[in-house]
Amino acid sequence: MALTNQIIQQRLQEKFGESVAALVDGYGLLEITAPRELNLKVLNFLYDDAVLQFQFLTDLTGVHYPSNKGNELAVVYHLHSLKENVRIRFKIFAPIEQPEVYTATGLFSAANWMERETYDFFGILFVGHPNLKRILNVEEMDYFPLRKEFPLEDQTRIDKDDEMFGRGGTLK
């Protein structure tokens, strides 16, 4: 029996009820969301369940949704069931004022560096991580560069001509 999105949803609903929501994106990839307090319970279930067996962490990253008040930061896990060759996306959200999520390093060794990178760029604190520190940016950096808190350009620059970039005015 092939593992389908419907089977995955059904098993999650049986275990977690309405606390876990699922939807299918335009490419057929199942996306699961759950409260951040359940992230380890859901990950453990996806890993240990005899039918699902999502035992490979393909990727882990963060996303900043500044307009999503109270849930501005997301942690996105991409999991793969190698036995069934099925992939899913699992998201949890956290407020920017308290960006804490339980670490998945006890379940996936690869989460170690991915969580450190996510902390480094988004400021998401992985509670219980064995060595959570910056790995790509300098320790003295007091901000997280992939958060959408800053304008894309310095509006005070005078060394560029917007007309050369097709903005404002007309090119001749």
C-alpha atoms as a PDB file:
ATOM      1  CA  MET A   1       0.000   0.000   0.000  1.00  0.00           C
ATOM      2  CA  ALA A   2       1.453   3.333  -1.087  1.00  0.00           C
ATOM      3  CA  LEU A   3       1.735   6.115   1.480  1.00  0.00           C
ATOM      4  CA  THR A   4      -0.598   8.949   0.422  1.00  0.00           C
ATOM      5  CA  ASN A   5      -1.294  12.411   1.794  1.00  0.00           C
ATOM      6  CA  GLN A   6      -4.682  11.156   2.997  1.00  0.00           C
ATOM      7  CA  ILE A   7      -3.104   8.340   5.024  1.00  0.00           C
ATOM      8  CA  ILE A   8      -0.597  10.749   6.593  1.00  0.00           C
ATOM      9  CA  GLN A   9      -3.385  13.200   7.486  1.00  0.00           C
ATOM     10  CA  GLN A  10      -5.541  10.427   8.916  1.00  0.00           C
ATOM     11  CA  ARG A  11      -2.762   9.069  11.151  1.00  0.00           C
ATOM     12  CA  LEU A  12      -1.933  12.570  12.403  1.00  0.00           C
ATOM     13  CA  GLN A  13      -5.611  13.313  13.115  1.00  0.00           C
ATOM     14  CA  GLU A  14      -5.971  10.041  15.034  1.00  0.00           C
ATOM     15  CA  LYS A  15      -2.959  10.899  17.198  1.00  0.00           C
ATOM     16  CA  PHE A  16      -3.255  14.679  17.653  1.00  0.00           C
ATOM     17  CA  GLY A  17      -6.841  15.543  16.727  1.00  0.00           C
ATOM     18  CA  GLU A  18      -7.514  19.114  15.637  1.00  0.00           C
ATOM     19  CA  SER A  19      -4.201  20.467  16.984  1.00  0.00           C
ATOM     20  CA  VAL A  20      -2.477  19.414  13.775  1.00  0.00           C
ATOM     21  CA  ALA A  21      -3.685  20.964  10.541  1.00  0.00           C
ATOM     22  CA  ALA A  22      -2.752  19.814   7.055  1.00  0.00           C
ATOM     23  CA  LEU A  23      -3.112  21.143   3.551  1.00  0.00           C
ATOM     24  CA  VAL A  24      -1.760  20.158   0.169  1.00  0.00           C
ATOM     25  CA  ASP A  25       0.096  22.749  -1.896  1.00  0.00           C
ATOM     26  CA  GLY A  26      -0.175  23.135  -5.656  1.00  0.00           C
ATOM     27  CA  TYR A  27       2.552  20.559  -6.246  1.00  0.00           C
ATOM     28  CA  GLY A  28       0.991  17.815  -4.136  1.00  0.00           C
ATOM     29  CA  LEU A  29       3.313  18.309  -1.153  1.00  0.00           C
ATOM     30  CA  LEU A  30       1.545  17.873   2.173  1.00  0.00           C
ATOM     31  CA  GLU A  31       2.156  20.733   4.608  1.00  0.00           C
ATOM     32  CA  ILE A  32       1.459  20.126   8.280  1.00  0.00           C
ATOM     33  CA  THR A  33       1.210  22.827  10.948  1.00  0.00           C
ATOM     34  CA  ALA A  34       1.052  22.392  14.708  1.00  0.00           C
ATOM     35  CA  PRO A  35       1.492  24.508  17.833  1.00  0.00           C
ATOM     36  CA  ARG A  36       5.150  24.971  18.698  1.00  0.00           C
ATOM     37  CA  GLU A  37       4.673  23.132  21.999  1.00  0.00           C
ATOM     38  CA  LEU A  38       3.934  19.978  20.001  1.00  0.00           C
ATOM     39  CA  ASN A  39       6.857  20.142  17.580  1.00  0.00           C
ATOM     40  CA  LEU A  40       8.840  17.315  19.201  1.00  0.00           C
ATOM     41  CA  LYS A  41       5.775  15.148  19.753  1.00  0.00           C
ATOM     42  CA  VAL A  42       4.758  15.477  16.102  1.00  0.00           C
ATOM     43  CA  LEU A  43       8.321  14.920  14.859  1.00  0.00           C
ATOM     44  CA  ASN A  44       8.698  11.845  17.082  1.00  0.00           C
ATOM     45  CA  PHE A  45       5.386  10.459  15.853  1.00  0.00           C
ATOM     46  CA  LEU A  46       6.312  11.034  12.200  1.00  0.00           C
ATOM     47  CA  TYR A  47       9.669   9.338  12.847  1.00  0.00           C
ATOM     48  CA  ASP A  48       8.503   6.359  14.929  1.00  0.00           C
ATOM     49  CA  ASP A  49       5.158   5.504  13.337  1.00  0.00           C
ATOM     50  CA  ALA A  50       5.468   2.127  11.566  1.00  0.00           C
ATOM     51  CA  VAL A  51       3.449   3.324   8.565  1.00  0.00           C
ATOM     52  CA  LEU A  52       4.913   6.823   8.139  1.00  0.00           C
ATOM     53  CA  GLN A  53       8.643   6.469   8.946  1.00  0.00           C
ATOM     54  CA  PHE A  54       9.732  10.034   8.170  1.00  0.00           C
ATOM     55  CA  GLN A  55      13.267   9.386   9.379  1.00  0.00           C
ATOM     56  CA  PHE A  56      15.263  11.717   7.159  1.00  0.00           C
ATOM     57  CA  LEU A  57      15.456  15.458   7.802  1.00  0.00           C
ATOM     58  CA  THR A  58      16.075  16.979   4.386  1.00  0.00           C
ATOM     59  CA  ASP A  59      16.086  20.608   5.497  1.00  0.00           C
ATOM     60  CA  LEU A  60      15.261  22.889   8.385  1.00  0.00           C
ATOM     61  CA  THR A  61      15.012  26.647   8.070  1.00  0.00           C
ATOM     62  CA  GLY A  62      13.196  29.700   9.319  1.00  0.00           C
ATOM     63  CA  VAL A  63      10.853  32.220   7.731  1.00  0.00           C
ATOM     64  CA  HIS A  64       9.888  35.676   8.933  1.00  0.00           C
ATOM     65  CA  TYR A  65       6.272  36.715   8.325  1.00  0.00           C
ATOM     66  CA  PRO A  66       6.182  40.285   9.719  1.00  0.00           C
ATOM     67  CA  SER A  67       2.447  40.741   9.060  1.00  0.00           C
ATOM     68  CA  ASN A  68       1.505  37.520  10.906  1.00  0.00           C
ATOM     69  CA  LYS A  69       1.097  39.112  14.367  1.00  0.00           C
ATOM     70  CA  GLY A  70       1.809  36.737  17.230  1.00  0.00           C
ATOM     71  CA  ASN A  71       3.310  34.132  14.876  1.00  0.00           C
ATOM     72  CA  GLU A  72       5.924  36.137  12.992  1.00  0.00           C
ATOM     73  CA  LEU A  73       8.604  33.435  12.931  1.00  0.00           C
ATOM     74  CA  ALA A  74       8.206  29.966  11.455  1.00  0.00           C
ATOM     75  CA  VAL A  75      10.433  26.910  11.646  1.00  0.00           C
ATOM     76  CA  VAL A  76      10.045  24.751   8.549  1.00  0.00           C
ATOM     77  CA  TYR A  77      11.074  21.078   8.551  1.00  0.00           C
ATOM     78  CA  HIS A  78      11.244  19.116   5.300  1.00  0.00           C
ATOM     79  CA  LEU A  79      11.005  15.419   6.064  1.00  0.00           C
ATOM     80  CA  HIS A  80      11.420  12.395   3.809  1.00  0.00           C
ATOM     81  CA  SER A  81      10.184   8.845   4.256  1.00  0.00           C
ATOM     82  CA  LEU A  82      12.915   6.965   2.428  1.00  0.00           C
ATOM     83  CA  LYS A  83      11.001   3.678   2.614  1.00  0.00           C
ATOM     84  CA  GLU A  84       7.935   5.142   0.864  1.00  0.00           C
ATOM     85  CA  ASN A  85       9.765   7.924  -1.027  1.00  0.00           C
ATOM     86  CA  VAL A  86       7.328  10.566   0.234  1.00  0.00           C
ATOM     87  CA  ARG A  87       8.163  14.090   1.378  1.00  0.00           C
ATOM     88  CA  ILE A  88       6.264  16.438   3.669  1.00  0.00           C
ATOM     89  CA  ARG A  89       6.695  19.936   5.059  1.00  0.00           C
ATOM     90  CA  PHE A  90       6.086  20.582   8.757  1.00  0.00           C
ATOM     91  CA  LYS A  91       5.731  24.157  10.065  1.00  0.00           C
ATOM     92  CA  ILE A  92       5.497  25.613  13.519  1.00  0.00           C
ATOM     93  CA  PHE A  93       5.138  29.283  14.399  1.00  0.00           C
ATOM     94  CA  ALA A  94       6.486  31.417  17.245  1.00  0.00           C
ATOM     95  CA  PRO A  95       6.030  35.058  18.233  1.00  0.00           C
ATOM     96  CA  ILE A  96       9.010  37.310  17.556  1.00  0.00           C
ATOM     97  CA  GLU A  97       9.006  38.390  21.229  1.00  0.00           C
ATOM     98  CA  GLN A  98       9.516  34.780  22.372  1.00  0.00           C
ATOM     99  CA  PRO A  99      11.190  32.876  19.512  1.00  0.00           C
ATOM    100  CA  GLU A 100      11.701  29.591  21.368  1.00  0.00           C
ATOM    101  CA  VAL A 101      11.234  26.128  19.859  1.00  0.00           C
ATOM    102  CA  TYR A 102      12.367  22.743  21.162  1.00  0.00           C
ATOM    103  CA  THR A 103      15.441  21.352  19.424  1.00  0.00           C
ATOM    104  CA  ALA A 104      15.177  18.328  17.141  1.00  0.00           C
ATOM    105  CA  THR A 105      18.846  17.367  17.572  1.00  0.00           C
ATOM    106  CA  GLY A 106      17.940  14.370  19.738  1.00  0.00           C
ATOM    107  CA  LEU A 107      15.970  12.909  16.843  1.00  0.00           C
ATOM    108  CA  PHE A 108      17.956  14.111  13.815  1.00  0.00           C
ATOM    109  CA  SER A 109      21.718  14.646  14.077  1.00  0.00           C
ATOM    110  CA  ALA A 110      21.586  16.850  10.976  1.00  0.00           C
ATOM    111  CA  ALA A 111      19.367  19.314  12.849  1.00  0.00           C
ATOM    112  CA  ASN A 112      22.400  20.480  14.822  1.00  0.00           C
ATOM    113  CA  TRP A 113      23.935  22.655  12.115  1.00  0.00           C
ATOM    114  CA  MET A 114      20.594  23.548  10.506  1.00  0.00           C
ATOM    115  CA  GLU A 115      19.266  24.879  13.804  1.00  0.00           C
ATOM    116  CA  ARG A 116      22.455  26.855  14.391  1.00  0.00           C
ATOM    117  CA  GLU A 117      22.129  28.434  10.950  1.00  0.00           C
ATOM    118  CA  THR A 118      18.443  29.212  11.564  1.00  0.00           C
ATOM    119  CA  TYR A 119      19.337  30.814  14.889  1.00  0.00           C
ATOM    120  CA  ASP A 120      22.138  32.782  13.239  1.00  0.00           C
ATOM    121  CA  PHE A 121      19.917  34.290  10.547  1.00  0.00           C
ATOM    122  CA  PHE A 122      16.457  34.435  12.165  1.00  0.00           C
ATOM    123  CA  GLY A 123      17.141  34.511  15.916  1.00  0.00           C
ATOM    124  CA  ILE A 124      15.022  31.449  16.662  1.00  0.00           C
ATOM    125  CA  LEU A 125      16.195  29.900  19.944  1.00  0.00           C
ATOM    126  CA  PHE A 126      16.213  26.103  19.939  1.00  0.00           C
ATOM    127  CA  VAL A 127      15.669  25.069  23.557  1.00  0.00           C
ATOM    128  CA  GLY A 128      17.915  22.158  24.537  1.00  0.00           C
ATOM    129  CA  HIS A 129      20.319  22.566  21.610  1.00  0.00           C
ATOM    130  CA  PRO A 130      23.798  21.287  22.612  1.00  0.00           C
ATOM    131  CA  ASN A 131      25.757  24.240  21.155  1.00  0.00           C
ATOM    132  CA  LEU A 132      23.509  27.020  19.896  1.00  0.00           C
ATOM    133  CA  LYS A 133      25.789  29.804  18.660  1.00  0.00           C
ATOM    134  CA  ARG A 134      26.403  31.756  15.489  1.00  0.00           C
ATOM    135  CA  ILE A 135      28.228  29.858  12.765  1.00  0.00           C
ATOM    136  CA  LEU A 136      28.232  32.172   9.738  1.00  0.00           C
ATOM    137  CA  ASN A 137      27.933  35.674  11.220  1.00  0.00           C
ATOM    138  CA  VAL A 138      30.220  37.313  13.768  1.00  0.00           C
ATOM    139  CA  GLU A 139      29.326  36.927  17.450  1.00  0.00           C
ATOM    140  CA  GLU A 140      29.186  40.719  17.875  1.00  0.00           C
ATOM    141  CA  MET A 141      26.282  40.998  15.441  1.00  0.00           C
ATOM    142  CA  ASP A 142      23.282  42.255  17.416  1.00  0.00           C
ATOM    143  CA  TYR A 143      20.606  41.567  14.801  1.00  0.00           C
ATOM    144  CA  PHE A 144      19.432  38.696  12.632  1.00  0.00           C
ATOM    145  CA  PRO A 145      19.940  39.490   8.933  1.00  0.00           C
ATOM    146  CA  LEU A 146      17.116  37.449   7.371  1.00  0.00           C
ATOM    147  CA  ARG A 147      14.384  39.052   9.440  1.00  0.00           C
ATOM    148  CA  LYS A 148      12.426  41.556   7.397  1.00  0.00           C
ATOM    149  CA  GLU A 149      12.979  44.388   9.844  1.00  0.00           C
ATOM    150  CA  PHE A 150      15.070  46.633   7.659  1.00  0.00           C
ATOM    151  CA  PRO A 151      14.464  48.330   4.296  1.00  0.00           C
ATOM    152  CA  LEU A 152      16.045  46.598   1.304  1.00  0.00           C
ATOM    153  CA  GLU A 153      17.898  49.750   0.294  1.00  0.00           C
ATOM    154  CA  ASP A 154      19.441  52.662   2.093  1.00  0.00           C
ATOM    155  CA  GLN A 155      17.111  55.492   1.088  1.00  0.00           C
ATOM    156  CA  THR A 156      19.696  58.124   2.053  1.00  0.00           C
ATOM    157  CA  ARG A 157      22.256  57.127  -0.585  1.00  0.00           C
ATOM    158  CA  ILE A 158      23.155  59.863  -3.036  1.00  0.00           C
ATOM    159  CA  ASP A 159      25.655  57.882  -5.105  1.00  0.00           C
ATOM    160  CA  LYS A 160      23.088  56.233  -7.335  1.00  0.00           C
ATOM    161  CA  ASP A 161      20.808  57.546  -9.999  1.00  0.00           C
ATOM    162  CA  ASP A 162      17.387  55.865  -9.927  1.00  0.00           C
ATOM    163  CA  GLU A 163      16.918  56.572 -13.621  1.00  0.00           C
ATOM    164  CA  MET A 164      19.823  54.229 -14.351  1.00  0.00           C
ATOM    165  CA  PHE A 165      17.896  51.416 -12.663  1.00  0.00           C
ATOM    166  CA  GLY A 166      14.559  52.112 -14.350  1.00  0.00           C
ATOM    167  CA  ARG A 167      12.999  53.668 -11.251  1.00  0.00           C
ATOM    168  CA  GLY A 168      11.422  57.069 -11.332  1.00  0.00           C
ATOM    169  CA  GLY A 169      11.715  59.416 -14.237  1.00  0.00           C
ATOM    170  CA  THR A 170      12.083  58.248 -17.805  1.00  0.00           C
ATOM    171  CA  LEU A 171      15.125  56.898 -19.571  1.00  0.00           C
ATOM    172  CA  LYS A 172      16.254  58.736 -22.693  1.00  0.00           C
END
